[in-house]
PDB file of N, CA and C in Angstrom:
ATOM      1  N   UNK A   1     225.879  90.350 131.092  1.00  0.00           N
ATOM      2  CA  UNK A   1     224.348  91.779 131.585  1.00  0.00           C
ATOM      3  C   UNK A   1     224.717  92.438 132.459  1.00  0.00           C
ATOM      4  N   UNK A   2     224.049  94.251 131.656  1.00  0.00           N
ATOM      5  CA  UNK A   2     224.543  95.206 132.532  1.00  0.00           C
ATOM      6  C   UNK A   2     222.885  95.136 133.264  1.00  0.00           C
ATOM      7  N   UNK A   3     222.758  96.492 135.085  1.00  0.00           N
ATOM      8  CA  UNK A   3     221.606  96.337 135.023  1.00  0.00           C
ATOM      9  C   UNK A   3     221.107  97.299 134.667  1.00  0.00           C
ATOM     10  N   UNK A   4     220.795  97.678 133.684  1.00  0.00           N
ATOM     11  CA  UNK A   4     220.235  98.897 131.833  1.00  0.00           C
ATOM     12  C   UNK A   4     219.511  97.615 131.463  1.00  0.00           C
ATOM     13  N   UNK A   5     220.474  96.526 131.162  1.00  0.00           N
ATOM     14  CA  UNK A   5     219.297  95.408 130.268  1.00  0.00           C
ATOM     15  C   UNK A   5     218.850  94.662 131.122  1.00  0.00           C
ATOM     16  N   UNK A   6     219.274  94.308 132.236  1.00  0.00           N
ATOM     17  CA  UNK A   6     217.626  94.407 132.726  1.00  0.00           C
ATOM     18  C   UNK A   6     216.784  94.243 133.524  1.00  0.00           C
ATOM     19  N   UNK A   7     217.071  96.144 133.827  1.00  0.00           N
ATOM     20  CA  UNK A   7     215.786  97.037 134.024  1.00  0.00           C
ATOM     21  C   UNK A   7     214.539  96.917 132.668  1.00  0.00           C
ATOM     22  N   UNK A   8     215.831  97.060 131.777  1.00  0.00           N
ATOM     23  CA  UNK A   8     215.062  97.207 130.088  1.00  0.00           C
ATOM     24  C   UNK A   8     214.517  96.067 130.065  1.00  0.00           C
ATOM     25  N   UNK A   9     214.786  94.700 130.181  1.00  0.00           N
ATOM     26  CA  UNK A   9     214.114  93.253 129.992  1.00  0.00           C
ATOM     27  C   UNK A   9     212.308  93.494 130.831  1.00  0.00           C
ATOM     28  N   UNK A  10     213.265  93.052 132.121  1.00  0.00           N
ATOM     29  CA  UNK A  10     211.847  93.176 133.074  1.00  0.00           C
ATOM     30  C   UNK A  10     210.373  94.117 133.165  1.00  0.00           C
ATOM     31  N   UNK A  11     211.069  95.345 133.043  1.00  0.00           N
ATOM     32  CA  UNK A  11     209.877  96.387 132.347  1.00  0.00           C
ATOM     33  C   UNK A  11     209.635  96.188 131.191  1.00  0.00           C
ATOM     34  N   UNK A  12     209.873  95.536 129.677  1.00  0.00           N
ATOM     35  CA  UNK A  12     209.089  95.145 129.031  1.00  0.00           C
ATOM     36  C   UNK A  12     208.586  94.265 128.928  1.00  0.00           C
ATOM     37  N   UNK A  13     208.186  92.741 130.146  1.00  0.00           N
ATOM     38  CA  UNK A  13     207.972  92.131 130.801  1.00  0.00           C
ATOM     39  C   UNK A  13     207.111  92.523 131.154  1.00  0.00           C
ATOM     40  N   UNK A  14     207.251  92.778 132.581  1.00  0.00           N
ATOM     41  CA  UNK A  14     206.142  93.757 132.625  1.00  0.00           C
ATOM     42  C   UNK A  14     204.788  94.707 131.704  1.00  0.00           C
ATOM     43  N   UNK A  15     205.112  95.761 131.109  1.00  0.00           N
ATOM     44  CA  UNK A  15     204.366  95.750 130.247  1.00  0.00           C
ATOM     45  C   UNK A  15     203.379  94.274 129.514  1.00  0.00           C
ATOM     46  N   UNK A  16     204.040  93.614 129.014  1.00  0.00           N
ATOM     47  CA  UNK A  16     203.613  92.145 128.501  1.00  0.00           C
ATOM     48  C   UNK A  16     202.589  91.998 129.652  1.00  0.00           C
ATOM     49  N   UNK A  17     202.698  91.809 130.701  1.00  0.00           N
ATOM     50  CA  UNK A  17     202.229  90.873 131.450  1.00  0.00           C
ATOM     51  C   UNK A  17     200.720  92.155 131.469  1.00  0.00           C
ATOM     52  N   UNK A  18     200.939  92.658 131.813  1.00  0.00           N
ATOM     53  CA  UNK A  18     200.051  94.039 131.924  1.00  0.00           C
ATOM     54  C   UNK A  18     198.988  93.945 130.484  1.00  0.00           C
ATOM     55  N   UNK A  19     199.556  93.865 129.764  1.00  0.00           N
ATOM     56  CA  UNK A  19     198.983  93.435 128.333  1.00  0.00           C
ATOM     57  C   UNK A  19     197.901  92.979 128.108  1.00  0.00           C
ATOM     58  N   UNK A  20     198.874  91.526 128.967  1.00  0.00           N
ATOM     59  CA  UNK A  20     197.665  90.322 128.776  1.00  0.00           C
ATOM     60  C   UNK A  20     196.711  89.710 130.130  1.00  0.00           C
ATOM     61  N   UNK A  21     197.070  91.094 130.574  1.00  0.00           N
ATOM     62  CA  UNK A  21     195.636  90.640 132.354  1.00  0.00           C
ATOM     63  C   UNK A  21     194.229  91.690 131.271  1.00  0.00           C
ATOM     64  N   UNK A  22     194.581  93.217 130.318  1.00  0.00           N
ATOM     65  CA  UNK A  22     193.553  93.793 129.606  1.00  0.00           C
ATOM     66  C   UNK A  22     192.777  92.238 128.794  1.00  0.00           C
ATOM     67  N   UNK A  23     193.786  91.933 128.186  1.00  0.00           N
ATOM     68  CA  UNK A  23     192.959  91.001 127.085  1.00  0.00           C
ATOM     69  C   UNK A  23     192.010  90.226 127.770  1.00  0.00           C
ATOM     70  N   UNK A  24     192.753  89.571 129.455  1.00  0.00           N
ATOM     71  CA  UNK A  24     192.153  89.149 129.735  1.00  0.00           C
ATOM     72  C   UNK A  24     191.293  89.160 130.633  1.00  0.00           C
ATOM     73  N   UNK A  25     190.775  90.826 130.790  1.00  0.00           N
ATOM     74  CA  UNK A  25     190.198  90.920 131.814  1.00  0.00           C
ATOM     75  C   UNK A  25     188.488  91.472 130.817  1.00  0.00           C
ATOM     76  N   UNK A  26     189.040  91.675 129.697  1.00  0.00           N
ATOM     77  CA  UNK A  26     187.472  91.287 128.564  1.00  0.00           C
ATOM     78  C   UNK A  26     186.388  90.566 128.613  1.00  0.00           C
ATOM     79  N   UNK A  27     187.208  89.573 128.503  1.00  0.00           N
ATOM     80  CA  UNK A  27     186.593  88.340 128.428  1.00  0.00           C
ATOM     81  C   UNK A  27     185.642  88.051 129.597  1.00  0.00           C
ATOM     82  N   UNK A  28     184.888  87.243 128.699  1.00  0.00           N
ATOM     83  CA  UNK A  28     183.495  86.998 129.485  1.00  0.00           C
ATOM     84  C   UNK A  28     184.268  85.500 130.701  1.00  0.00           C
ATOM     85  N   UNK A  29     183.452  85.840 132.418  1.00  0.00           N
ATOM     86  CA  UNK A  29     183.640  85.013 132.879  1.00  0.00           C
ATOM     87  C   UNK A  29     182.538  83.444 132.493  1.00  0.00           C
ATOM     88  N   UNK A  30     183.285  82.538 133.131  1.00  0.00           N
ATOM     89  CA  UNK A  30     182.748  80.892 133.373  1.00  0.00           C
ATOM     90  C   UNK A  30     180.767  81.255 133.395  1.00  0.00           C
ATOM     91  N   UNK A  31     180.474  82.006 134.540  1.00  0.00           N
ATOM     92  CA  UNK A  31     178.912  82.637 134.991  1.00  0.00           C
ATOM     93  C   UNK A  31     178.363  83.446 134.213  1.00  0.00           C
ATOM     94  N   UNK A  32     179.027  84.528 133.504  1.00  0.00           N
ATOM     95  CA  UNK A  32     178.408  84.621 132.174  1.00  0.00           C
ATOM     96  C   UNK A  32     177.890  83.905 131.472  1.00  0.00           C
ATOM     97  N   UNK A  33     179.084  83.429 131.066  1.00  0.00           N
ATOM     98  CA  UNK A  33     178.751  81.897 129.828  1.00  0.00           C
ATOM     99  C   UNK A  33     177.337  81.346 129.561  1.00  0.00           C
ATOM    100  N   UNK A  34     178.057  80.060 131.244  1.00  0.00           N
ATOM    101  CA  UNK A  34     176.641  79.992 131.792  1.00  0.00           C
ATOM    102  C   UNK A  34     174.962  80.862 131.627  1.00  0.00           C
ATOM    103  N   UNK A  35     175.444  82.252 132.230  1.00  0.00           N
ATOM    104  CA  UNK A  35     173.894  82.399 132.045  1.00  0.00           C
ATOM    105  C   UNK A  35     173.113  82.261 130.510  1.00  0.00           C
ATOM    106  N   UNK A  36     173.935  83.088 129.591  1.00  0.00           N
ATOM    107  CA  UNK A  36     173.713  82.979 128.598  1.00  0.00           C
ATOM    108  C   UNK A  36     173.498  81.525 127.694  1.00  0.00           C
ATOM    109  N   UNK A  37     173.797  80.706 128.045  1.00  0.00           N
ATOM    110  CA  UNK A  37     173.287  79.297 127.806  1.00  0.00           C
ATOM    111  C   UNK A  37     172.011  78.819 128.301  1.00  0.00           C
ATOM    112  N   UNK A  38     171.707  79.399 129.301  1.00  0.00           N
ATOM    113  CA  UNK A  38     170.615  79.703 129.737  1.00  0.00           C
ATOM    114  C   UNK A  38     169.270  80.446 129.040  1.00  0.00           C
ATOM    115  N   UNK A  39     169.681  81.827 128.974  1.00  0.00           N
ATOM    116  CA  UNK A  39     169.267  82.325 127.828  1.00  0.00           C
ATOM    117  C   UNK A  39     168.603  82.002 126.627  1.00  0.00           C
ATOM    118  N   UNK A  40     169.547  81.323 126.439  1.00  0.00           N
ATOM    119  CA  UNK A  40     170.049  80.566 124.862  1.00  0.00           C
ATOM    120  C   UNK A  40     168.355  79.182 124.598  1.00  0.00           C
ATOM    121  N   UNK A  41     168.605  78.944 125.900  1.00  0.00           N
ATOM    122  CA  UNK A  41     168.127  77.799 126.062  1.00  0.00           C
ATOM    123  C   UNK A  41     166.659  78.162 125.878  1.00  0.00           C
ATOM    124  N   UNK A  42     166.274  79.310 127.111  1.00  0.00           N
ATOM    125  CA  UNK A  42     164.754  79.442 127.458  1.00  0.00           C
ATOM    126  C   UNK A  42     164.004  79.770 125.387  1.00  0.00           C
ATOM    127  N   UNK A  43     164.914  80.992 125.266  1.00  0.00           N
ATOM    128  CA  UNK A  43     164.450  81.218 123.536  1.00  0.00           C
ATOM    129  C   UNK A  43     164.395  80.333 122.872  1.00  0.00           C
ATOM    130  N   UNK A  44     165.240  79.232 122.828  1.00  0.00           N
ATOM    131  CA  UNK A  44     164.675  78.129 121.840  1.00  0.00           C
ATOM    132  C   UNK A  44     163.569  77.412 122.375  1.00  0.00           C
ATOM    133  N   UNK A  45     163.349  77.787 123.615  1.00  0.00           N
ATOM    134  CA  UNK A  45     161.609  77.402 123.863  1.00  0.00           C
ATOM    135  C   UNK A  45     161.300  77.939 123.454  1.00  0.00           C
ATOM    136  N   UNK A  46     160.849  79.350 123.602  1.00  0.00           N
ATOM    137  CA  UNK A  46     160.555  80.021 123.129  1.00  0.00           C
ATOM    138  C   UNK A  46     159.601  79.965 121.769  1.00  0.00           C
ATOM    139  N   UNK A  47     160.837  79.702 120.784  1.00  0.00           N
ATOM    140  CA  UNK A  47     160.851  79.580 119.964  1.00  0.00           C
ATOM    141  C   UNK A  47     159.945  78.501 118.944  1.00  0.00           C
ATOM    142  N   UNK A  48     159.928  77.345 119.714  1.00  0.00           N
ATOM    143  CA  UNK A  48     159.470  75.844 119.359  1.00  0.00           C
ATOM    144  C   UNK A  48     157.582  76.490 120.088  1.00  0.00           C
ATOM    145  N   UNK A  49     157.281  77.184 120.890  1.00  0.00           N
ATOM    146  CA  UNK A  49     155.962  77.147 120.900  1.00  0.00           C
ATOM    147  C   UNK A  49     155.727  78.661 119.976  1.00  0.00           C
ATOM    148  N   UNK A  50     156.827  79.674 119.821  1.00  0.00           N
ATOM    149  CA  UNK A  50     155.559  80.782 118.536  1.00  0.00           C
ATOM    150  C   UNK A  50     155.610  79.856 117.607  1.00  0.00           C
ATOM    151  N   UNK A  51     156.758  78.976 117.056  1.00  0.00           N
ATOM    152  CA  UNK A  51     156.785  78.141 115.366  1.00  0.00           C
ATOM    153  C   UNK A  51     155.473  76.631 115.671  1.00  0.00           C
ATOM    154  N   UNK A  52     155.114  76.513 117.002  1.00  0.00           N
ATOM    155  CA  UNK A  52     153.885  75.187 117.062  1.00  0.00           C
ATOM    156  C   UNK A  52     152.794  76.464 117.302  1.00  0.00           C
ATOM    157  N   UNK A  53     152.851  77.453 117.896  1.00  0.00           N
ATOM    158  CA  UNK A  53     151.581  78.078 117.431  1.00  0.00           C
ATOM    159  C   UNK A  53     151.201  79.191 116.221  1.00  0.00           C
ATOM    160  N   UNK A  54     151.930  79.132 115.181  1.00  0.00           N
ATOM    161  CA  UNK A  54     152.576  79.737 113.935  1.00  0.00           C
ATOM    162  C   UNK A  54     151.526  78.666 113.413  1.00  0.00           C
ATOM    163  N   UNK A  55     152.751  77.183 113.590  1.00  0.00           N
ATOM    164  CA  UNK A  55     151.943  76.061 112.579  1.00  0.00           C
ATOM    165  C   UNK A  55     150.262  75.506 112.481  1.00  0.00           C
ATOM    166  N   UNK A  56     149.652  75.915 113.798  1.00  0.00           N
ATOM    167  CA  UNK A  56     148.014  75.529 114.093  1.00  0.00           C
ATOM    168  C   UNK A  56     147.637  77.025 113.605  1.00  0.00           C
ATOM    169  N   UNK A  57     148.067  78.457 113.841  1.00  0.00           N
ATOM    170  CA  UNK A  57     147.509  79.665 112.894  1.00  0.00           C
ATOM    171  C   UNK A  57     147.114  79.131 111.477  1.00  0.00           C
ATOM    172  N   UNK A  58     148.169  78.619 110.980  1.00  0.00           N
ATOM    173  CA  UNK A  58     148.261  78.406 109.999  1.00  0.00           C
ATOM    174  C   UNK A  58     147.045  76.928 108.903  1.00  0.00           C
ATOM    175  N   UNK A  59     147.264  76.163 110.002  1.00  0.00           N
ATOM    176  CA  UNK A  59     146.095  74.899 109.625  1.00  0.00           C
ATOM    177  C   UNK A  59     145.112  75.671 109.963  1.00  0.00           C
ATOM    178  N   UNK A  60     144.202  77.078 110.631  1.00  0.00           N
ATOM    179  CA  UNK A  60     143.642  76.815 110.653  1.00  0.00           C
ATOM    180  C   UNK A  60     142.888  78.157 109.769  1.00  0.00           C
ATOM    181  N   UNK A  61     143.689  78.568 108.835  1.00  0.00           N
ATOM    182  CA  UNK A  61     143.925  79.650 108.406  1.00  0.00           C
ATOM    183  C   UNK A  61     143.251  78.506 106.828  1.00  0.00           C
ATOM    184  N   UNK A  62     144.115  77.324 106.774  1.00  0.00           N
ATOM    185  CA  UNK A  62     143.559  76.837 105.321  1.00  0.00           C
ATOM    186  C   UNK A  62     142.790  76.135 105.621  1.00  0.00           C
ATOM    187  N   UNK A  63     142.172  75.982 107.236  1.00  0.00           N
ATOM    188  CA  UNK A  63     140.926  75.450 107.247  1.00  0.00           C
ATOM    189  C   UNK A  63     139.567  76.082 106.573  1.00  0.00           C
ATOM    190  N   UNK A  64     139.820  77.408 107.796  1.00  0.00           N
ATOM    191  CA  UNK A  64     138.734  78.420 106.546  1.00  0.00           C
ATOM    192  C   UNK A  64     139.172  78.658 105.238  1.00  0.00           C
ATOM    193  N   UNK A  65     139.051  78.741 104.635  1.00  0.00           N
ATOM    194  CA  UNK A  65     139.579  78.984 103.522  1.00  0.00           C
ATOM    195  C   UNK A  65     138.890  78.011 102.619  1.00  0.00           C
ATOM    196  N   UNK A  66     139.393  76.521 103.198  1.00  0.00           N
ATOM    197  CA  UNK A  66     138.192  75.599 102.893  1.00  0.00           C
ATOM    198  C   UNK A  66     137.001  75.521 102.470  1.00  0.00           C
ATOM    199  N   UNK A  67     136.634  76.239 103.775  1.00  0.00           N
ATOM    200  CA  UNK A  67     135.251  75.925 103.798  1.00  0.00           C
ATOM    201  C   UNK A  67     134.457  77.455 103.046  1.00  0.00           C
ATOM    202  N   UNK A  68     135.648  78.183 102.748  1.00  0.00           N
ATOM    203  CA  UNK A  68     135.205  79.551 102.359  1.00  0.00           C
ATOM    204  C   UNK A  68     134.535  79.047 100.522  1.00  0.00           C
ATOM    205  N   UNK A  69     135.613  78.293  99.972  1.00  0.00           N
ATOM    206  CA  UNK A  69     135.381  77.251  98.952  1.00  0.00           C
ATOM    207  C   UNK A  69     134.536  77.080  98.710  1.00  0.00           C
TER     208      UNK A  69
END
């Protein structure tokens, strides 16, 4: 192997390593995933409250309609 070939191969390997580092840098960290998980859990709880309130309101409206009819 000539010195030029080795230098070329090292340059190519370094370019590939840089590309991998760029891709990895764009991925969320574990901490970011944990914060997202907490937000989803909170949103799920909030949606349960909304669902319960909607169901309760619907029952009240149905009760009023029956009284009026």
